[in-house]
Amino acid sequence: MTGNAGLPPLICVVGPTGTGKSAAAIALAHRFDGEVVSADSRQVYRGMDIGTAKVGDIERAAVPHHLLDIRAPDQPYSVHEFARDAEEAIAAIRARGRLPIVAGGTGHYLAALTRGFLPAAVEPDPALRAELERLQEEQGVAALAERLRRVDPVVAADIDLENPRRVVRAIEVKTATGRSIREIESARPLRWRSLALGLSMEREALAERIAERAAGMFGGGLLDEIRRLLIGGYGRGSVLDRSIGYREGLAHLFGDLSRREAIAATATATRQYARRQMTWLRNRESAQWFEVGNNLEDKLALAVEDFLAAASAGN
């Protein structure tokens, strides 16, 4: 994150899933008269509440939240759309004289706001995507990774090869333009000086919390939530099938996994995702890191106070 003089301040609470970003952002919003902007690629979808750990009505009544529940699960939502919507929300928050606080762990969303980076604006190629989907179905995601290594070894060394959507997109951009997706990512002038507050936990403690959360979601109505979404026409092939917890819940409801297996698979996938998030944030974002524990809110508040004081002095 950066501290460009003369730009208005933006606070970002970042970190891997399960570290309590939403609660920390709400606490800071109470202390600094702020509003929260979600940077979570799944919380934009209506009806996907339990599996995304979305804040509820009580929290939203106490602190305004933005970019929650703005799409149906069959509607795509791009990083470009997020950047536009987040910038509008942040501008409106500032116009009300309040402090914008971004909370989330979706790396591309954060990069769009804090570093001005947006992915390549290349139209999808349905025929190529269908071909690559068949390749994945028949030979697995490793075959997709090998395909990317052949067409773009530089990006293959830098991308999450276990994320088929990103691998497919990288192949698609290279095929369509002849250029690497990294070459044509756009960078825009920054509109804010941002402070990133990173939340971290010791690996075993985070794994335990993730396991408890997975069990709590299944015990707290996740399957009923998925049933409602199925009745609404959202199931396999929708964003549910690409979302941790929902994918495993669907597998259970369709008889592919037992309840215990679905919970375990959700915990495993969440741990893997948390590791990827931390790697992304450590490598691409400059954050002040705080171990989750005693006096966390006070430590975060002190960092914000110092940042805002320095920003005010810089003006």
C-alpha atoms as a PDB file:
ATOM      1  CA  MET A   1       0.000   0.000   0.000  1.00  0.00           C
ATOM      2  CA  THR A   2       1.123   3.505  -0.503  1.00  0.00           C
ATOM      3  CA  GLY A   3       1.096   6.880   1.201  1.00  0.00           C
ATOM      4  CA  ASN A   4       1.010   9.470  -1.566  1.00  0.00           C
ATOM      5  CA  ALA A   5       0.936  13.004  -0.191  1.00  0.00           C
ATOM      6  CA  GLY A   6      -2.103  15.068  -1.028  1.00  0.00           C
ATOM      7  CA  LEU A   7      -4.444  12.098  -1.565  1.00  0.00           C
ATOM      8  CA  PRO A   8      -7.319  11.295   0.817  1.00  0.00           C
ATOM      9  CA  PRO A   9      -6.831   8.381   3.230  1.00  0.00           C
ATOM     10  CA  LEU A  10      -8.165   4.864   2.729  1.00  0.00           C
ATOM     11  CA  ILE A  11      -7.946   2.131   5.358  1.00  0.00           C
ATOM     12  CA  CYS A  12      -7.781  -1.507   4.237  1.00  0.00           C
ATOM     13  CA  VAL A  13      -8.164  -4.509   6.548  1.00  0.00           C
ATOM     14  CA  VAL A  14      -6.639  -7.493   4.754  1.00  0.00           C
ATOM     15  CA  GLY A  15      -5.543 -11.026   5.491  1.00  0.00           C
ATOM     16  CA  PRO A  16      -6.440 -14.655   4.866  1.00  0.00           C
ATOM     17  CA  THR A  17      -9.918 -16.013   5.414  1.00  0.00           C
ATOM     18  CA  GLY A  18     -10.799 -16.789   9.019  1.00  0.00           C
ATOM     19  CA  THR A  19      -8.741 -14.049  10.656  1.00  0.00           C
ATOM     20  CA  GLY A  20     -11.682 -11.783  11.511  1.00  0.00           C
ATOM     21  CA  LYS A  21     -11.351  -8.998   8.953  1.00  0.00           C
ATOM     22  CA  SER A  22     -15.034  -8.046   9.040  1.00  0.00           C
ATOM     23  CA  ALA A  23     -15.130  -7.730  12.833  1.00  0.00           C
ATOM     24  CA  ALA A  24     -11.933  -5.672  12.843  1.00  0.00           C
ATOM     25  CA  ALA A  25     -13.264  -3.349  10.144  1.00  0.00           C
ATOM     26  CA  ILE A  26     -16.513  -2.848  12.039  1.00  0.00           C
ATOM     27  CA  ALA A  27     -14.606  -2.042  15.236  1.00  0.00           C
ATOM     28  CA  LEU A  28     -12.524   0.550  13.383  1.00  0.00           C
ATOM     29  CA  ALA A  29     -15.642   2.009  11.771  1.00  0.00           C
ATOM     30  CA  HIS A  30     -17.134   2.558  15.227  1.00  0.00           C
ATOM     31  CA  ARG A  31     -13.982   4.283  16.453  1.00  0.00           C
ATOM     32  CA  PHE A  32     -13.374   6.476  13.412  1.00  0.00           C
ATOM     33  CA  ASP A  33     -16.891   7.157  12.115  1.00  0.00           C
ATOM     34  CA  GLY A  34     -16.365   4.940   9.123  1.00  0.00           C
ATOM     35  CA  GLU A  35     -18.228   2.807   6.621  1.00  0.00           C
ATOM     36  CA  VAL A  36     -17.106  -0.567   5.291  1.00  0.00           C
ATOM     37  CA  VAL A  37     -16.570  -1.516   1.654  1.00  0.00           C
ATOM     38  CA  SER A  38     -16.374  -5.262   1.065  1.00  0.00           C
ATOM     39  CA  ALA A  39     -13.537  -6.589  -1.104  1.00  0.00           C
ATOM     40  CA  ASP A  40     -14.803 -10.177  -1.155  1.00  0.00           C
ATOM     41  CA  SER A  41     -15.615 -11.758  -4.510  1.00  0.00           C
ATOM     42  CA  ARG A  42     -18.318 -14.031  -3.053  1.00  0.00           C
ATOM     43  CA  GLN A  43     -20.094 -11.643  -0.707  1.00  0.00           C
ATOM     44  CA  VAL A  44     -21.356  -9.686  -3.713  1.00  0.00           C
ATOM     45  CA  TYR A  45     -23.869 -12.502  -4.346  1.00  0.00           C
ATOM     46  CA  ARG A  46     -27.369 -12.443  -2.884  1.00  0.00           C
ATOM     47  CA  GLY A  47     -28.402 -15.501  -0.911  1.00  0.00           C
ATOM     48  CA  MET A  48     -24.830 -16.629  -0.270  1.00  0.00           C
ATOM     49  CA  ASP A  49     -24.619 -15.593   3.361  1.00  0.00           C
ATOM     50  CA  ILE A  50     -23.622 -18.423   5.668  1.00  0.00           C
ATOM     51  CA  GLY A  51     -20.946 -19.901   3.436  1.00  0.00           C
ATOM     52  CA  THR A  52     -19.305 -16.515   2.878  1.00  0.00           C
ATOM     53  CA  ALA A  53     -19.476 -15.455   6.560  1.00  0.00           C
ATOM     54  CA  LYS A  54     -21.318 -12.332   5.453  1.00  0.00           C
ATOM     55  CA  VAL A  55     -22.134  -9.801   8.165  1.00  0.00           C
ATOM     56  CA  GLY A  56     -25.761  -9.819   9.251  1.00  0.00           C
ATOM     57  CA  ASP A  57     -28.497  -7.248   9.624  1.00  0.00           C
ATOM     58  CA  ILE A  58     -27.439  -6.167  13.127  1.00  0.00           C
ATOM     59  CA  GLU A  59     -23.883  -5.333  12.015  1.00  0.00           C
ATOM     60  CA  ARG A  60     -25.134  -3.569   8.905  1.00  0.00           C
ATOM     61  CA  ALA A  61     -27.573  -1.496  10.928  1.00  0.00           C
ATOM     62  CA  ALA A  62     -24.730  -0.377  13.194  1.00  0.00           C
ATOM     63  CA  VAL A  63     -22.199   0.298  10.422  1.00  0.00           C
ATOM     64  CA  PRO A  64     -23.101   0.863   6.752  1.00  0.00           C
ATOM     65  CA  HIS A  65     -21.649  -1.781   4.434  1.00  0.00           C
ATOM     66  CA  HIS A  66     -21.215  -1.541   0.672  1.00  0.00           C
ATOM     67  CA  LEU A  67     -20.885  -4.060  -2.200  1.00  0.00           C
ATOM     68  CA  LEU A  68     -22.781  -6.811  -0.437  1.00  0.00           C
ATOM     69  CA  ASP A  69     -25.702  -8.583  -2.171  1.00  0.00           C
ATOM     70  CA  ILE A  70     -25.377  -6.693  -5.460  1.00  0.00           C
ATOM     71  CA  ARG A  71     -25.501  -9.656  -7.858  1.00  0.00           C
ATOM     72  CA  ALA A  72     -27.535 -12.835  -8.318  1.00  0.00           C
ATOM     73  CA  PRO A  73     -25.451 -16.026  -8.278  1.00  0.00           C
ATOM     74  CA  ASP A  74     -25.824 -16.447 -12.041  1.00  0.00           C
ATOM     75  CA  GLN A  75     -24.503 -12.953 -12.813  1.00  0.00           C
ATOM     76  CA  PRO A  76     -20.756 -12.498 -13.414  1.00  0.00           C
ATOM     77  CA  TYR A  77     -18.924  -9.743 -11.586  1.00  0.00           C
ATOM     78  CA  SER A  78     -15.544  -8.633 -12.868  1.00  0.00           C
ATOM     79  CA  VAL A  79     -12.621  -6.888 -11.233  1.00  0.00           C
ATOM     80  CA  HIS A  80     -13.310  -3.923 -13.502  1.00  0.00           C
ATOM     81  CA  GLU A  81     -16.871  -3.719 -12.185  1.00  0.00           C
ATOM     82  CA  PHE A  82     -15.614  -3.987  -8.623  1.00  0.00           C
ATOM     83  CA  ALA A  83     -13.116  -1.160  -9.138  1.00  0.00           C
ATOM     84  CA  ARG A  84     -15.853   1.071 -10.533  1.00  0.00           C
ATOM     85  CA  ASP A  85     -18.357   0.235  -7.797  1.00  0.00           C
ATOM     86  CA  ALA A  86     -15.813   0.484  -4.990  1.00  0.00           C
ATOM     87  CA  GLU A  87     -14.559   3.850  -6.194  1.00  0.00           C
ATOM     88  CA  GLU A  88     -18.127   5.163  -6.292  1.00  0.00           C
ATOM     89  CA  ALA A  89     -18.815   3.843  -2.798  1.00  0.00           C
ATOM     90  CA  ILE A  90     -15.599   5.303  -1.390  1.00  0.00           C
ATOM     91  CA  ALA A  91     -16.308   8.695  -2.969  1.00  0.00           C
ATOM     92  CA  ALA A  92     -19.815   8.699  -1.477  1.00  0.00           C
ATOM     93  CA  ILE A  93     -18.477   7.770   1.963  1.00  0.00           C
ATOM     94  CA  ARG A  94     -15.979  10.617   1.819  1.00  0.00           C
ATOM     95  CA  ALA A  95     -18.686  13.021   0.647  1.00  0.00           C
ATOM     96  CA  ARG A  96     -20.558  12.197   3.874  1.00  0.00           C
ATOM     97  CA  GLY A  97     -17.457  13.142   5.848  1.00  0.00           C
ATOM     98  CA  ARG A  98     -16.797   9.582   6.958  1.00  0.00           C
ATOM     99  CA  LEU A  99     -13.768   7.283   6.713  1.00  0.00           C
ATOM    100  CA  PRO A 100     -13.847   4.522   4.068  1.00  0.00           C
ATOM    101  CA  ILE A 101     -12.613   1.159   5.351  1.00  0.00           C
ATOM    102  CA  VAL A 102     -12.093  -1.656   2.858  1.00  0.00           C
ATOM    103  CA  ALA A 103     -12.267  -5.191   4.249  1.00  0.00           C
ATOM    104  CA  GLY A 104     -11.559  -8.368   2.331  1.00  0.00           C
ATOM    105  CA  GLY A 105      -9.091 -10.882   1.032  1.00  0.00           C
ATOM    106  CA  THR A 106      -9.707 -11.050  -2.721  1.00  0.00           C
ATOM    107  CA  GLY A 107      -6.283 -10.141  -4.045  1.00  0.00           C
ATOM    108  CA  HIS A 108      -7.259  -8.705  -7.434  1.00  0.00           C
ATOM    109  CA  TYR A 109      -9.911  -6.519  -5.810  1.00  0.00           C
ATOM    110  CA  LEU A 110      -7.394  -5.097  -3.370  1.00  0.00           C
ATOM    111  CA  ALA A 111      -4.781  -4.541  -6.081  1.00  0.00           C
ATOM    112  CA  ALA A 112      -7.303  -2.579  -8.130  1.00  0.00           C
ATOM    113  CA  LEU A 113      -7.837  -0.156  -5.252  1.00  0.00           C
ATOM    114  CA  THR A 114      -4.409   0.055  -3.666  1.00  0.00           C
ATOM    115  CA  ARG A 115      -2.086  -0.247  -6.665  1.00  0.00           C
ATOM    116  CA  GLY A 116      -4.332   0.722  -9.561  1.00  0.00           C
ATOM    117  CA  PHE A 117      -3.862  -2.644 -11.302  1.00  0.00           C
ATOM    118  CA  LEU A 118      -6.653  -4.075 -13.423  1.00  0.00           C
ATOM    119  CA  PRO A 119      -6.552  -7.302 -15.424  1.00  0.00           C
ATOM    120  CA  ALA A 120      -6.554  -7.354 -19.186  1.00  0.00           C
ATOM    121  CA  ALA A 121      -9.829  -6.306 -20.804  1.00  0.00           C
ATOM    122  CA  VAL A 122      -9.990  -9.161 -23.306  1.00  0.00           C
ATOM    123  CA  GLU A 123     -13.360 -10.619 -24.301  1.00  0.00           C
ATOM    124  CA  PRO A 124     -13.925 -14.269 -23.330  1.00  0.00           C
ATOM    125  CA  ASP A 125     -13.556 -16.887 -26.068  1.00  0.00           C
ATOM    126  CA  PRO A 126     -16.439 -19.371 -25.586  1.00  0.00           C
ATOM    127  CA  ALA A 127     -14.975 -21.986 -27.929  1.00  0.00           C
ATOM    128  CA  LEU A 128     -11.569 -21.943 -26.248  1.00  0.00           C
ATOM    129  CA  ARG A 129     -13.143 -22.013 -22.800  1.00  0.00           C
ATOM    130  CA  ALA A 130     -15.230 -25.035 -23.770  1.00  0.00           C
ATOM    131  CA  GLU A 131     -12.084 -26.777 -25.013  1.00  0.00           C
ATOM    132  CA  LEU A 132     -10.213 -26.011 -21.803  1.00  0.00           C
ATOM    133  CA  GLU A 133     -13.143 -27.104 -19.655  1.00  0.00           C
ATOM    134  CA  ARG A 134     -13.136 -30.446 -21.445  1.00  0.00           C
ATOM    135  CA  LEU A 135      -9.393 -30.718 -20.878  1.00  0.00           C
ATOM    136  CA  GLN A 136      -9.872 -30.084 -17.156  1.00  0.00           C
ATOM    137  CA  GLU A 137     -12.755 -32.562 -16.888  1.00  0.00           C
ATOM    138  CA  GLU A 138     -10.843 -35.289 -18.693  1.00  0.00           C
ATOM    139  CA  GLN A 139      -7.304 -34.753 -17.367  1.00  0.00           C
ATOM    140  CA  GLY A 140      -7.602 -32.451 -14.367  1.00  0.00           C
ATOM    141  CA  VAL A 141      -6.292 -28.994 -13.500  1.00  0.00           C
ATOM    142  CA  ALA A 142      -2.697 -30.212 -13.899  1.00  0.00           C
ATOM    143  CA  ALA A 143      -3.329 -30.515 -17.638  1.00  0.00           C
ATOM    144  CA  LEU A 144      -4.493 -26.910 -17.738  1.00  0.00           C
ATOM    145  CA  ALA A 145      -1.334 -25.866 -15.925  1.00  0.00           C
ATOM    146  CA  GLU A 146       0.807 -27.726 -18.438  1.00  0.00           C
ATOM    147  CA  ARG A 147      -1.034 -26.030 -21.302  1.00  0.00           C
ATOM    148  CA  LEU A 148      -0.274 -22.635 -19.765  1.00  0.00           C
ATOM    149  CA  ARG A 149       3.384 -23.563 -19.310  1.00  0.00           C
ATOM    150  CA  ARG A 150       3.578 -24.253 -23.030  1.00  0.00           C
ATOM    151  CA  VAL A 151       1.921 -21.017 -24.168  1.00  0.00           C
ATOM    152  CA  ASP A 152       3.167 -18.648 -21.438  1.00  0.00           C
ATOM    153  CA  PRO A 153       5.879 -20.064 -19.134  1.00  0.00           C
ATOM    154  CA  VAL A 154       6.537 -16.671 -17.514  1.00  0.00           C
ATOM    155  CA  VAL A 155       2.979 -16.301 -16.230  1.00  0.00           C
ATOM    156  CA  ALA A 156       2.838 -20.001 -15.359  1.00  0.00           C
ATOM    157  CA  ALA A 157       5.686 -19.406 -12.911  1.00  0.00           C
ATOM    158  CA  ASP A 158       3.795 -16.538 -11.247  1.00  0.00           C
ATOM    159  CA  ILE A 159       0.123 -17.610 -11.225  1.00  0.00           C
ATOM    160  CA  ASP A 160      -1.878 -19.877  -8.908  1.00  0.00           C
ATOM    161  CA  LEU A 161      -1.842 -23.030 -11.023  1.00  0.00           C
ATOM    162  CA  GLU A 162      -4.449 -24.677  -8.786  1.00  0.00           C
ATOM    163  CA  ASN A 163      -7.026 -22.041  -9.703  1.00  0.00           C
ATOM    164  CA  PRO A 164      -8.506 -23.203 -13.024  1.00  0.00           C
ATOM    165  CA  ARG A 165     -10.329 -19.940 -13.710  1.00  0.00           C
ATOM    166  CA  ARG A 166      -7.109 -17.940 -13.561  1.00  0.00           C
ATOM    167  CA  VAL A 167      -5.212 -20.495 -15.619  1.00  0.00           C
ATOM    168  CA  VAL A 168      -7.925 -20.498 -18.275  1.00  0.00           C
ATOM    169  CA  ARG A 169      -7.957 -16.704 -18.345  1.00  0.00           C
ATOM    170  CA  ALA A 170      -4.181 -16.528 -18.782  1.00  0.00           C
ATOM    171  CA  ILE A 171      -4.336 -18.992 -21.692  1.00  0.00           C
ATOM    172  CA  GLU A 172      -7.246 -17.074 -23.182  1.00  0.00           C
ATOM    173  CA  VAL A 173      -5.463 -13.711 -23.091  1.00  0.00           C
ATOM    174  CA  LYS A 174      -2.241 -15.125 -24.528  1.00  0.00           C
ATOM    175  CA  THR A 175      -4.140 -16.898 -27.311  1.00  0.00           C
ATOM    176  CA  ALA A 176      -6.232 -13.841 -28.198  1.00  0.00           C
ATOM    177  CA  THR A 177      -3.497 -11.201 -28.105  1.00  0.00           C
ATOM    178  CA  GLY A 178      -0.179 -13.015 -28.391  1.00  0.00           C
ATOM    179  CA  ARG A 179       0.847 -11.135 -25.252  1.00  0.00           C
ATOM    180  CA  SER A 180       1.141 -12.236 -21.647  1.00  0.00           C
ATOM    181  CA  ILE A 181      -1.680 -11.280 -19.319  1.00  0.00           C
ATOM    182  CA  ARG A 182       0.944  -9.576 -17.149  1.00  0.00           C
ATOM    183  CA  GLU A 183       2.051  -7.384 -20.076  1.00  0.00           C
ATOM    184  CA  ILE A 184      -1.352  -5.879 -20.665  1.00  0.00           C
ATOM    185  CA  GLU A 185      -2.602  -5.427 -17.146  1.00  0.00           C
ATOM    186  CA  SER A 186      -3.506  -1.768 -16.859  1.00  0.00           C
ATOM    187  CA  ALA A 187      -2.328   0.553 -14.113  1.00  0.00           C
ATOM    188  CA  ARG A 188      -4.287   3.675 -13.212  1.00  0.00           C
ATOM    189  CA  PRO A 189      -3.296   6.683 -11.116  1.00  0.00           C
ATOM    190  CA  LEU A 190      -3.987   6.100  -7.446  1.00  0.00           C
ATOM    191  CA  ARG A 191      -6.873   8.050  -5.930  1.00  0.00           C
ATOM    192  CA  TRP A 192      -6.064   7.469  -2.246  1.00  0.00           C
ATOM    193  CA  ARG A 193      -3.149   7.066   0.124  1.00  0.00           C
ATOM    194  CA  SER A 194      -3.875   3.721   1.670  1.00  0.00           C
ATOM    195  CA  LEU A 195      -2.938   1.966   4.870  1.00  0.00           C
ATOM    196  CA  ALA A 196      -3.148  -1.825   4.868  1.00  0.00           C
ATOM    197  CA  LEU A 197      -3.668  -3.520   8.198  1.00  0.00           C
ATOM    198  CA  GLY A 198      -2.876  -7.200   7.764  1.00  0.00           C
ATOM    199  CA  LEU A 199      -4.304  -9.790  10.141  1.00  0.00           C
ATOM    200  CA  SER A 200      -2.364 -13.007  10.603  1.00  0.00           C
ATOM    201  CA  MET A 201      -2.511 -16.106  12.788  1.00  0.00           C
ATOM    202  CA  GLU A 202      -0.160 -18.957  13.560  1.00  0.00           C
ATOM    203  CA  ARG A 203      -0.870 -21.690  11.021  1.00  0.00           C
ATOM    204  CA  GLU A 204      -2.146 -24.352  13.423  1.00  0.00           C
ATOM    205  CA  ALA A 205      -4.395 -21.874  15.233  1.00  0.00           C
ATOM    206  CA  LEU A 206      -5.847 -20.665  11.943  1.00  0.00           C
ATOM    207  CA  ALA A 207      -6.383 -24.241  10.769  1.00  0.00           C
ATOM    208  CA  GLU A 208      -8.283 -24.991  13.975  1.00  0.00           C
ATOM    209  CA  ARG A 209     -10.426 -21.892  13.547  1.00  0.00           C
ATOM    210  CA  ILE A 210     -11.140 -22.802   9.933  1.00  0.00           C
ATOM    211  CA  ALA A 211     -12.173 -26.336  10.914  1.00  0.00           C
ATOM    212  CA  GLU A 212     -14.510 -24.958  13.582  1.00  0.00           C
ATOM    213  CA  ARG A 213     -15.987 -22.481  11.130  1.00  0.00           C
ATOM    214  CA  ALA A 214     -16.593 -25.160   8.501  1.00  0.00           C
ATOM    215  CA  ALA A 215     -18.405 -27.340  11.034  1.00  0.00           C
ATOM    216  CA  GLY A 216     -20.321 -24.313  12.293  1.00  0.00           C
ATOM    217  CA  MET A 217     -21.502 -23.392   8.814  1.00  0.00           C
ATOM    218  CA  PHE A 218     -22.853 -26.865   8.133  1.00  0.00           C
ATOM    219  CA  GLY A 219     -24.419 -26.941  11.573  1.00  0.00           C
ATOM    220  CA  GLY A 220     -25.760 -23.420  11.209  1.00  0.00           C
ATOM    221  CA  GLY A 221     -27.906 -23.759   8.118  1.00  0.00           C
ATOM    222  CA  LEU A 222     -25.537 -23.835   5.133  1.00  0.00           C
ATOM    223  CA  LEU A 223     -27.263 -26.841   3.572  1.00  0.00           C
ATOM    224  CA  ASP A 224     -30.675 -25.185   3.917  1.00  0.00           C
ATOM    225  CA  GLU A 225     -29.198 -22.066   2.295  1.00  0.00           C
ATOM    226  CA  ILE A 226     -27.936 -24.165  -0.615  1.00  0.00           C
ATOM    227  CA  ARG A 227     -31.348 -25.840  -0.945  1.00  0.00           C
ATOM    228  CA  ARG A 228     -32.992 -22.416  -1.233  1.00  0.00           C
ATOM    229  CA  LEU A 229     -30.489 -21.422  -3.898  1.00  0.00           C
ATOM    230  CA  LEU A 230     -31.153 -24.662  -5.789  1.00  0.00           C
ATOM    231  CA  ILE A 231     -34.876 -23.932  -5.732  1.00  0.00           C
ATOM    232  CA  GLY A 232     -34.050 -20.478  -7.100  1.00  0.00           C
ATOM    233  CA  GLY A 233     -32.294 -22.091 -10.045  1.00  0.00           C
ATOM    234  CA  TYR A 234     -28.696 -21.750  -8.853  1.00  0.00           C
ATOM    235  CA  GLY A 235     -26.720 -24.952  -8.537  1.00  0.00           C
ATOM    236  CA  ARG A 236     -24.009 -26.815 -10.356  1.00  0.00           C
ATOM    237  CA  GLY A 237     -22.530 -24.670 -13.077  1.00  0.00           C
ATOM    238  CA  SER A 238     -23.275 -21.461 -11.162  1.00  0.00           C
ATOM    239  CA  VAL A 239     -20.941 -19.527  -8.885  1.00  0.00           C
ATOM    240  CA  LEU A 240     -21.943 -21.929  -6.093  1.00  0.00           C
ATOM    241  CA  ASP A 241     -19.974 -24.673  -7.793  1.00  0.00           C
ATOM    242  CA  ARG A 242     -16.890 -22.431  -7.714  1.00  0.00           C
ATOM    243  CA  SER A 243     -17.219 -21.361  -4.077  1.00  0.00           C
ATOM    244  CA  ILE A 244     -15.737 -23.134  -1.082  1.00  0.00           C
ATOM    245  CA  GLY A 245     -18.385 -24.623   1.178  1.00  0.00           C
ATOM    246  CA  TYR A 246     -21.117 -24.366  -1.430  1.00  0.00           C
ATOM    247  CA  ARG A 247     -19.294 -26.709  -3.793  1.00  0.00           C
ATOM    248  CA  GLU A 248     -18.864 -29.278  -1.023  1.00  0.00           C
ATOM    249  CA  GLY A 249     -22.429 -28.747   0.189  1.00  0.00           C
ATOM    250  CA  LEU A 250     -23.747 -29.383  -3.299  1.00  0.00           C
ATOM    251  CA  ALA A 251     -21.665 -32.552  -3.485  1.00  0.00           C
ATOM    252  CA  HIS A 252     -23.277 -33.727  -0.240  1.00  0.00           C
ATOM    253  CA  LEU A 253     -26.819 -32.910  -1.359  1.00  0.00           C
ATOM    254  CA  PHE A 254     -26.270 -34.745  -4.640  1.00  0.00           C
ATOM    255  CA  GLY A 255     -24.939 -37.796  -2.807  1.00  0.00           C
ATOM    256  CA  ASP A 256     -21.284 -37.497  -3.771  1.00  0.00           C
ATOM    257  CA  LEU A 257     -19.975 -36.801  -0.247  1.00  0.00           C
ATOM    258  CA  SER A 258     -21.171 -37.643   3.223  1.00  0.00           C
ATOM    259  CA  ARG A 259     -21.839 -34.727   5.563  1.00  0.00           C
ATOM    260  CA  ARG A 260     -18.607 -35.440   7.435  1.00  0.00           C
ATOM    261  CA  GLU A 261     -16.648 -35.638   4.177  1.00  0.00           C
ATOM    262  CA  ALA A 262     -18.175 -32.368   2.980  1.00  0.00           C
ATOM    263  CA  ILE A 263     -17.184 -30.577   6.172  1.00  0.00           C
ATOM    264  CA  ALA A 264     -13.642 -31.964   6.009  1.00  0.00           C
ATOM    265  CA  ALA A 265     -13.321 -31.047   2.330  1.00  0.00           C
ATOM    266  CA  THR A 266     -14.531 -27.522   3.075  1.00  0.00           C
ATOM    267  CA  ALA A 267     -11.961 -27.103   5.838  1.00  0.00           C
ATOM    268  CA  THR A 268      -9.165 -28.433   3.607  1.00  0.00           C
ATOM    269  CA  ALA A 269     -10.083 -26.165   0.686  1.00  0.00           C
ATOM    270  CA  THR A 270     -10.354 -23.174   3.014  1.00  0.00           C
ATOM    271  CA  ARG A 271      -6.909 -23.824   4.505  1.00  0.00           C
ATOM    272  CA  GLN A 272      -5.419 -24.047   1.025  1.00  0.00           C
ATOM    273  CA  TYR A 273      -7.153 -20.826   0.011  1.00  0.00           C
ATOM    274  CA  ALA A 274      -5.908 -19.061   3.138  1.00  0.00           C
ATOM    275  CA  ARG A 275      -2.326 -20.039   2.278  1.00  0.00           C
ATOM    276  CA  ARG A 276      -2.728 -18.677  -1.244  1.00  0.00           C
ATOM    277  CA  GLN A 277      -4.197 -15.443   0.109  1.00  0.00           C
ATOM    278  CA  MET A 278      -1.294 -14.960   2.503  1.00  0.00           C
ATOM    279  CA  THR A 279       1.234 -15.615  -0.244  1.00  0.00           C
ATOM    280  CA  TRP A 280      -0.479 -13.065  -2.477  1.00  0.00           C
ATOM    281  CA  LEU A 281      -0.664 -10.422   0.237  1.00  0.00           C
ATOM    282  CA  ARG A 282       2.893 -10.927   1.441  1.00  0.00           C
ATOM    283  CA  ASN A 283       4.263 -10.714  -2.103  1.00  0.00           C
ATOM    284  CA  ARG A 284       2.098  -7.965  -3.565  1.00  0.00           C
ATOM    285  CA  GLU A 285       0.826  -5.710  -0.789  1.00  0.00           C
ATOM    286  CA  SER A 286       2.820  -3.640   1.686  1.00  0.00           C
ATOM    287  CA  ALA A 287       0.931  -4.037   4.950  1.00  0.00           C
ATOM    288  CA  GLN A 288       1.476  -3.566   8.658  1.00  0.00           C
ATOM    289  CA  TRP A 289       0.911  -7.046  10.058  1.00  0.00           C
ATOM    290  CA  PHE A 290      -0.820  -7.788  13.351  1.00  0.00           C
ATOM    291  CA  GLU A 291      -1.158 -11.136  15.058  1.00  0.00           C
ATOM    292  CA  VAL A 292      -4.766 -11.860  15.975  1.00  0.00           C
ATOM    293  CA  GLY A 293      -5.060 -11.902  19.750  1.00  0.00           C
ATOM    294  CA  ASN A 294      -5.337  -9.705  22.798  1.00  0.00           C
ATOM    295  CA  ASN A 295      -5.745  -5.962  22.267  1.00  0.00           C
ATOM    296  CA  LEU A 296      -5.918  -6.364  18.486  1.00  0.00           C
ATOM    297  CA  GLU A 297      -8.544  -3.641  18.075  1.00  0.00           C
ATOM    298  CA  ASP A 298      -6.517  -1.186  20.142  1.00  0.00           C
ATOM    299  CA  LYS A 299      -3.367  -1.920  18.136  1.00  0.00           C
ATOM    300  CA  LEU A 300      -5.199  -1.434  14.859  1.00  0.00           C
ATOM    301  CA  ALA A 301      -6.775   1.779  16.095  1.00  0.00           C
ATOM    302  CA  LEU A 302      -3.386   3.155  17.114  1.00  0.00           C
ATOM    303  CA  ALA A 303      -1.988   2.399  13.654  1.00  0.00           C
ATOM    304  CA  VAL A 304      -4.941   4.199  12.062  1.00  0.00           C
ATOM    305  CA  GLU A 305      -4.545   7.195  14.375  1.00  0.00           C
ATOM    306  CA  ASP A 306      -0.869   7.496  13.475  1.00  0.00           C
ATOM    307  CA  PHE A 307      -1.634   7.143   9.761  1.00  0.00           C
ATOM    308  CA  LEU A 308      -4.381   9.763   9.814  1.00  0.00           C
ATOM    309  CA  ALA A 309      -2.216  12.166  11.828  1.00  0.00           C
ATOM    310  CA  ALA A 310       0.631  11.784   9.358  1.00  0.00           C
ATOM    311  CA  ALA A 311      -1.767  12.205   6.444  1.00  0.00           C
ATOM    312  CA  SER A 312      -3.154  15.381   7.984  1.00  0.00           C
ATOM    313  CA  ALA A 313       0.329  16.760   8.604  1.00  0.00           C
ATOM    314  CA  GLY A 314       1.278  15.922   5.019  1.00  0.00           C
ATOM    315  CA  ASN A 315      -1.510  18.125   3.739  1.00  0.00           C
END
